[in-house]
């Protein structure tokens, strides 16, 4: 069997990672380049004249115009962190390179921190990945399917009525050769016409050619300027449906990844974050060696997210 060029591409090895990000100074330089590629700019008055204040955990930049002080992590998802930057960068590497994802428990062991810290670091990184993905829309030829994620809870409802089962819409855009380019995985409140119309408005570019099964709600994509091509399945085996080859493959990989890695995932609360991380990695699979650097950029763009924000789904129940 021929070797898949994407699967067998060289990645960023652990020795290479250590060479690039093995010290606090190297991590500071990488973070500074990601935040301010053209040099420091004051977040308050936007001027560049500044001084450096040393002697604390992270060096501080003081604007010479307004005297405002800022750190490398201030205003990012790492704001007010007490962890060394080397620990954060190792987490960026592990979360970004893991094709099937990595659990917070495994991250705890790799980073040498307690579980609560590992959970926070993990979820902050996934939050940054998810927010980065929200801006993208699918274009061209798109395969779409519906699915449910999550298993039944002990003592809870069974089947699709389970409290831990979350309805999602999966979509993948294809290039001119029929190969997958980008994926979009989104939770929806229900498979209704209105819900799919809202999803399509946010996820699809006008003029997309959407192929779906005969589920009536997918007709809503035509309401937002897309061309809809329904295919009646009638109980046929997936192997008999080449129109859905790639979307079925992606859903299969997604479910295998989640069931093998996350054994206690609350899909009803955190599905969007985990789906966003899976999508982020898939859509950047063509250049694995740059994954850590891209995660750093995503983290710098995402604003501060304290623990209460990350756990707000729990607090609401």
Protein backbone atom coordinates (compact mmCIF):
# COMPACT_ATOMS: atom_id res chain seq x y z
CA UNK A 1 0.00 0.00 0.00
CA UNK A 2 1.32 3.46 -0.92
CA UNK A 3 2.52 5.68 1.92
CA UNK A 4 0.22 8.61 2.62
CA UNK A 5 2.32 11.76 2.31
CA UNK A 6 0.36 13.54 5.07
CA UNK A 7 0.55 10.70 7.58
CA UNK A 8 4.24 10.06 6.94
CA UNK A 9 5.41 13.67 6.80
CA UNK A 10 8.20 14.69 9.19
CA UNK A 11 6.94 16.44 12.30
CA UNK A 12 8.58 18.39 15.11
CA UNK A 13 10.44 15.72 17.07
CA UNK A 14 10.88 15.97 20.83
CA UNK A 15 14.65 16.68 20.53
CA UNK A 16 13.87 19.44 18.01
CA UNK A 17 11.22 20.85 20.36
CA UNK A 18 13.69 20.94 23.24
CA UNK A 19 16.24 22.66 21.02
CA UNK A 20 13.70 25.34 20.06
CA UNK A 21 11.82 25.81 23.34
CA UNK A 22 13.89 24.13 26.05
CA UNK A 23 14.58 27.22 28.19
CA UNK A 24 12.57 30.13 29.58
CA UNK A 25 14.60 32.54 27.44
CA UNK A 26 13.78 30.67 24.23
CA UNK A 27 10.10 30.50 25.14
CA UNK A 28 10.05 34.22 25.95
CA UNK A 29 11.61 35.01 22.57
CA UNK A 30 9.09 32.81 20.73
CA UNK A 31 6.15 34.30 22.64
CA UNK A 32 7.37 37.85 22.03
CA UNK A 33 7.69 37.15 18.31
CA UNK A 34 4.19 35.68 18.21
CA UNK A 35 2.59 38.58 20.12
CA UNK A 36 4.55 41.47 18.63
CA UNK A 37 6.24 40.43 15.36
CA UNK A 38 7.11 44.07 14.64
CA UNK A 39 8.24 44.81 18.20
CA UNK A 40 6.39 45.64 21.40
CA UNK A 41 3.34 47.86 21.08
CA UNK A 42 1.60 49.19 24.18
CA UNK A 43 -1.86 47.61 24.53
CA UNK A 44 -3.19 50.87 25.97
CA UNK A 45 -1.80 53.68 23.77
CA UNK A 46 -0.29 51.56 20.95
CA UNK A 47 3.09 53.29 20.94
CA UNK A 48 6.31 51.30 20.63
CA UNK A 49 8.72 53.22 22.87
CA UNK A 50 9.24 51.14 26.00
CA UNK A 51 11.63 49.94 28.68
CA UNK A 52 12.18 46.49 30.22
CA UNK A 53 11.75 45.74 33.93
CA UNK A 54 13.45 42.52 35.09
CA UNK A 55 13.44 40.73 38.41
CA UNK A 56 10.01 39.05 38.38
CA UNK A 57 8.78 35.71 37.06
CA UNK A 58 8.22 37.22 33.60
CA UNK A 59 9.86 40.41 32.42
CA UNK A 60 7.67 43.50 32.16
CA UNK A 61 7.44 46.03 29.35
CA UNK A 62 6.78 49.61 30.43
CA UNK A 63 5.46 52.08 27.89
CA UNK A 64 7.41 55.34 27.92
CA UNK A 65 4.39 57.28 26.76
CA UNK A 66 1.64 56.25 29.20
CA UNK A 67 3.75 54.27 31.72
CA UNK A 68 1.51 51.23 31.33
CA UNK A 69 3.18 47.93 32.21
CA UNK A 70 2.52 44.67 30.39
CA UNK A 71 3.93 41.15 30.48
CA UNK A 72 4.24 38.58 27.72
CA UNK A 73 1.23 36.69 29.04
CA UNK A 74 -1.02 39.65 29.98
CA UNK A 75 -4.11 39.83 27.80
CA UNK A 76 -3.69 36.27 26.55
CA UNK A 77 -5.22 33.02 27.71
CA UNK A 78 -2.10 32.56 29.90
CA UNK A 79 -2.75 35.74 31.85
CA UNK A 80 -1.70 35.64 35.54
CA UNK A 81 -0.15 32.19 35.12
CA UNK A 82 2.28 30.95 37.76
CA UNK A 83 3.62 28.18 35.54
CA UNK A 84 6.96 28.49 33.76
CA UNK A 85 6.71 29.21 30.05
CA UNK A 86 8.55 25.94 29.37
CA UNK A 87 5.60 24.06 30.91
CA UNK A 88 3.12 25.95 28.73
CA UNK A 89 5.13 25.33 25.59
CA UNK A 90 5.40 21.62 26.35
CA UNK A 91 1.60 21.59 26.67
CA UNK A 92 1.30 23.40 23.31
CA UNK A 93 3.49 20.73 21.77
CA UNK A 94 1.66 17.75 23.31
CA UNK A 95 -1.85 19.02 22.57
CA UNK A 96 -0.95 20.12 19.05
CA UNK A 97 0.93 16.99 18.00
CA UNK A 98 -1.54 14.40 19.36
CA UNK A 99 -3.58 13.33 16.34
CA UNK A 100 -6.20 11.59 18.50
CA UNK A 101 -6.01 14.18 21.26
CA UNK A 102 -4.59 13.91 24.76
CA UNK A 103 -6.50 13.64 28.03
CA UNK A 104 -6.00 16.03 30.92
CA UNK A 105 -4.87 13.06 33.01
CA UNK A 106 -2.12 12.20 30.53
CA UNK A 107 -1.17 15.87 30.32
CA UNK A 108 -0.89 15.96 34.11
CA UNK A 109 1.68 13.18 34.03
CA UNK A 110 3.69 14.70 31.19
CA UNK A 111 3.80 18.20 32.71
CA UNK A 112 4.35 17.16 36.31
CA UNK A 113 1.47 19.27 37.66
CA UNK A 114 -1.70 18.42 39.58
CA UNK A 115 -4.88 17.44 37.77
CA UNK A 116 -6.69 20.75 38.26
CA UNK A 117 -3.77 22.64 36.71
CA UNK A 118 -3.53 20.17 33.84
CA UNK A 119 -7.29 20.49 33.20
CA UNK A 120 -7.06 24.29 33.13
CA UNK A 121 -4.04 24.34 30.81
CA UNK A 122 -5.64 21.76 28.52
CA UNK A 123 -8.99 23.53 28.32
CA UNK A 124 -7.41 26.95 27.83
CA UNK A 125 -5.44 25.65 24.87
CA UNK A 126 -8.49 23.94 23.39
CA UNK A 127 -10.51 27.14 23.91
CA UNK A 128 -7.92 29.07 21.89
CA UNK A 129 -8.04 26.42 19.16
CA UNK A 130 -11.85 26.51 19.06
CA UNK A 131 -12.07 30.29 18.83
CA UNK A 132 -9.50 30.27 16.04
CA UNK A 133 -11.67 27.83 14.07
CA UNK A 134 -14.87 29.84 14.46
CA UNK A 135 -13.73 32.38 11.88
CA UNK A 136 -13.40 29.84 9.07
CA UNK A 137 -16.17 28.93 6.62
CA UNK A 138 -16.29 26.06 4.13
CA UNK A 139 -16.24 26.74 0.40
CA UNK A 140 -16.74 24.81 -2.83
CA UNK A 141 -18.00 21.22 -2.68
CA UNK A 142 -19.07 20.22 0.82
CA UNK A 143 -20.24 16.90 2.26
CA UNK A 144 -22.54 17.23 5.30
CA UNK A 145 -23.90 14.68 7.76
CA UNK A 146 -25.62 14.55 11.13
CA UNK A 147 -24.35 12.57 14.11
CA UNK A 148 -24.61 12.16 17.86
CA UNK A 149 -21.65 12.17 20.25
CA UNK A 150 -21.57 10.82 23.78
CA UNK A 151 -22.71 7.68 25.56
CA UNK A 152 -25.55 6.90 27.89
CA UNK A 153 -25.21 7.70 31.58
CA UNK A 154 -25.92 5.20 34.30
CA UNK A 155 -29.46 5.77 35.48
CA UNK A 156 -30.17 8.27 32.69
CA UNK A 157 -32.23 8.12 29.54
CA UNK A 158 -31.29 5.69 26.81
CA UNK A 159 -30.87 6.15 23.08
CA UNK A 160 -30.91 9.60 21.51
CA UNK A 161 -32.66 10.98 24.57
CA UNK A 162 -29.57 10.51 26.74
CA UNK A 163 -28.53 13.69 28.54
CA UNK A 164 -24.91 13.12 27.51
CA UNK A 165 -25.65 12.66 23.81
CA UNK A 166 -25.05 15.81 21.77
CA UNK A 167 -26.32 16.37 18.21
CA UNK A 168 -23.59 17.64 15.88
CA UNK A 169 -23.30 18.63 12.25
CA UNK A 170 -20.15 17.46 10.48
CA UNK A 171 -19.05 19.00 7.19
CA UNK A 172 -15.96 18.68 5.03
CA UNK A 173 -14.97 20.72 1.97
CA UNK A 174 -13.26 18.99 -0.96
CA UNK A 175 -10.75 20.18 -3.52
CA UNK A 176 -11.02 19.67 -7.28
CA UNK A 177 -9.59 16.14 -6.97
CA UNK A 178 -12.17 15.13 -4.37
CA UNK A 179 -9.77 15.13 -1.41
CA UNK A 180 -10.68 16.73 1.95
CA UNK A 181 -9.42 20.23 2.66
CA UNK A 182 -11.18 21.66 5.71
CA UNK A 183 -13.56 20.27 8.33
CA UNK A 184 -16.24 21.95 10.40
CA UNK A 185 -17.72 20.16 13.45
CA UNK A 186 -20.44 22.00 15.34
CA UNK A 187 -22.99 21.20 18.01
CA UNK A 188 -26.57 22.15 17.25
CA UNK A 189 -29.56 22.33 19.63
CA UNK A 190 -31.55 19.99 17.41
CA UNK A 191 -31.80 18.80 13.81
CA UNK A 192 -34.45 21.32 12.85
CA UNK A 193 -34.76 23.53 9.79
CA UNK A 194 -34.09 26.69 11.82
CA UNK A 195 -31.07 25.21 13.62
CA UNK A 196 -29.45 24.05 10.37
CA UNK A 197 -30.15 27.41 8.74
CA UNK A 198 -28.31 29.15 11.59
CA UNK A 199 -25.43 26.66 11.34
CA UNK A 200 -25.15 27.14 7.56
CA UNK A 201 -25.16 30.92 7.93
CA UNK A 202 -22.07 30.71 10.16
CA UNK A 203 -20.27 27.77 8.54
CA UNK A 204 -20.81 27.85 4.77
CA UNK A 205 -19.84 30.38 2.13
CA UNK A 206 -22.48 31.52 -0.33
CA UNK A 207 -22.47 29.34 -3.43
CA UNK A 208 -21.33 26.10 -1.77
CA UNK A 209 -22.44 22.84 -3.38
CA UNK A 210 -23.71 20.86 -0.40
CA UNK A 211 -24.25 17.10 -0.57
CA UNK A 212 -26.28 15.60 2.28
CA UNK A 213 -28.51 12.63 2.96
CA UNK A 214 -32.28 12.92 2.77
CA UNK A 215 -32.73 14.44 6.24
CA UNK A 216 -35.28 17.20 5.68
CA UNK A 217 -33.56 19.82 7.85
CA UNK A 218 -30.56 20.02 5.47
CA UNK A 219 -32.77 21.71 2.89
CA UNK A 220 -32.18 24.83 4.99
CA UNK A 221 -28.74 25.33 3.40
CA UNK A 222 -30.52 26.55 0.28
CA UNK A 223 -31.98 29.39 2.36
CA UNK A 224 -28.52 30.92 2.84
CA UNK A 225 -27.42 30.82 -0.80
CA UNK A 226 -25.98 27.30 -1.12
CA UNK A 227 -26.84 24.66 -3.71
CA UNK A 228 -28.28 21.54 -2.09
CA UNK A 229 -27.90 18.04 -3.54
CA UNK A 230 -29.69 15.50 -1.32
CA UNK A 231 -28.85 11.81 -1.71
CA UNK A 232 -31.44 9.32 -0.51
CA UNK A 233 -29.63 6.63 1.48
CA UNK A 234 -32.47 4.11 1.95
CA UNK A 235 -30.50 1.96 4.37
CA UNK A 236 -27.52 1.43 2.06
CA UNK A 237 -24.14 0.54 3.56
CA UNK A 238 -21.63 3.44 3.76
CA UNK A 239 -19.37 1.58 1.32
CA UNK A 240 -22.13 1.92 -1.24
CA UNK A 241 -22.25 5.71 -0.82
CA UNK A 242 -19.14 7.28 -2.39
CA UNK A 243 -20.86 10.67 -2.09
CA UNK A 244 -20.21 10.51 1.68
CA UNK A 245 -16.85 8.75 1.73
CA UNK A 246 -14.86 11.52 3.36
CA UNK A 247 -17.45 12.72 5.85
CA UNK A 248 -18.01 9.12 7.00
CA UNK A 249 -14.25 8.65 7.36
CA UNK A 250 -13.89 11.82 9.43
CA UNK A 251 -16.80 10.92 11.71
CA UNK A 252 -15.34 7.45 12.19
CA UNK A 253 -11.94 8.91 13.09
CA UNK A 254 -13.57 11.41 15.44
CA UNK A 255 -15.53 8.79 17.37
CA UNK A 256 -12.54 6.43 17.53
CA UNK A 257 -10.38 9.28 18.82
CA UNK A 258 -12.82 10.35 21.52
CA UNK A 259 -13.68 6.84 22.72
CA UNK A 260 -10.01 5.86 22.90
CA UNK A 261 -8.68 8.99 24.59
CA UNK A 262 -11.41 10.65 26.65
CA UNK A 263 -13.05 8.12 28.96
CA UNK A 264 -15.03 10.56 31.11
CA UNK A 265 -15.80 13.44 28.77
CA UNK A 266 -18.94 15.43 29.53
CA UNK A 267 -20.15 15.87 25.96
CA UNK A 268 -23.22 17.80 27.09
CA UNK A 269 -20.96 20.50 28.61
CA UNK A 270 -17.65 20.60 26.75
CA UNK A 271 -18.32 19.16 23.29
CA UNK A 272 -17.64 22.42 21.44
CA UNK A 273 -14.18 22.78 22.95
CA UNK A 274 -13.10 19.22 22.14
CA UNK A 275 -14.59 19.36 18.65
CA UNK A 276 -12.78 22.65 18.04
CA UNK A 277 -9.43 21.11 19.03
CA UNK A 278 -9.99 18.10 16.76
CA UNK A 279 -10.93 20.41 13.88
CA UNK A 280 -7.95 22.69 14.51
CA UNK A 281 -5.49 19.81 14.23
CA UNK A 282 -7.17 18.32 11.17
CA UNK A 283 -7.25 21.58 9.25
CA UNK A 284 -3.52 22.11 9.85
CA UNK A 285 -2.44 18.54 9.17
CA UNK A 286 -0.46 19.50 6.06
CA UNK A 287 2.36 21.06 8.10
CA UNK A 288 2.79 19.23 11.41
CA UNK A 289 6.25 20.68 12.00
CA UNK A 290 4.68 24.14 12.37
CA UNK A 291 1.84 23.01 14.66
CA UNK A 292 3.42 24.17 17.94
CA UNK A 293 4.17 27.59 16.48
CA UNK A 294 0.58 27.90 15.24
CA UNK A 295 -0.81 26.91 18.64
CA UNK A 296 1.33 29.66 20.18
CA UNK A 297 -0.23 32.19 17.79
CA UNK A 298 -3.75 30.95 18.62
CA UNK A 299 -3.05 31.27 22.34
CA UNK A 300 -1.74 34.82 21.90
CA UNK A 301 -4.84 35.88 19.96
CA UNK A 302 -7.29 34.41 22.47
CA UNK A 303 -7.98 36.78 25.37
CA UNK A 304 -7.88 35.82 29.05
CA UNK A 305 -10.22 32.99 30.08
CA UNK A 306 -10.29 32.45 33.87
CA UNK A 307 -11.36 29.15 35.39
CA UNK A 308 -14.89 30.36 36.08
CA UNK A 309 -15.35 30.99 32.36
CA UNK A 310 -14.08 27.56 31.39
CA UNK A 311 -16.31 25.86 33.93
CA UNK A 312 -19.39 28.03 33.42
CA UNK A 313 -21.28 25.09 31.88
CA UNK A 314 -20.79 23.18 35.13
CA UNK A 315 -21.84 26.12 37.29
CA UNK A 316 -25.05 26.57 35.30
CA UNK A 317 -26.32 23.11 36.25
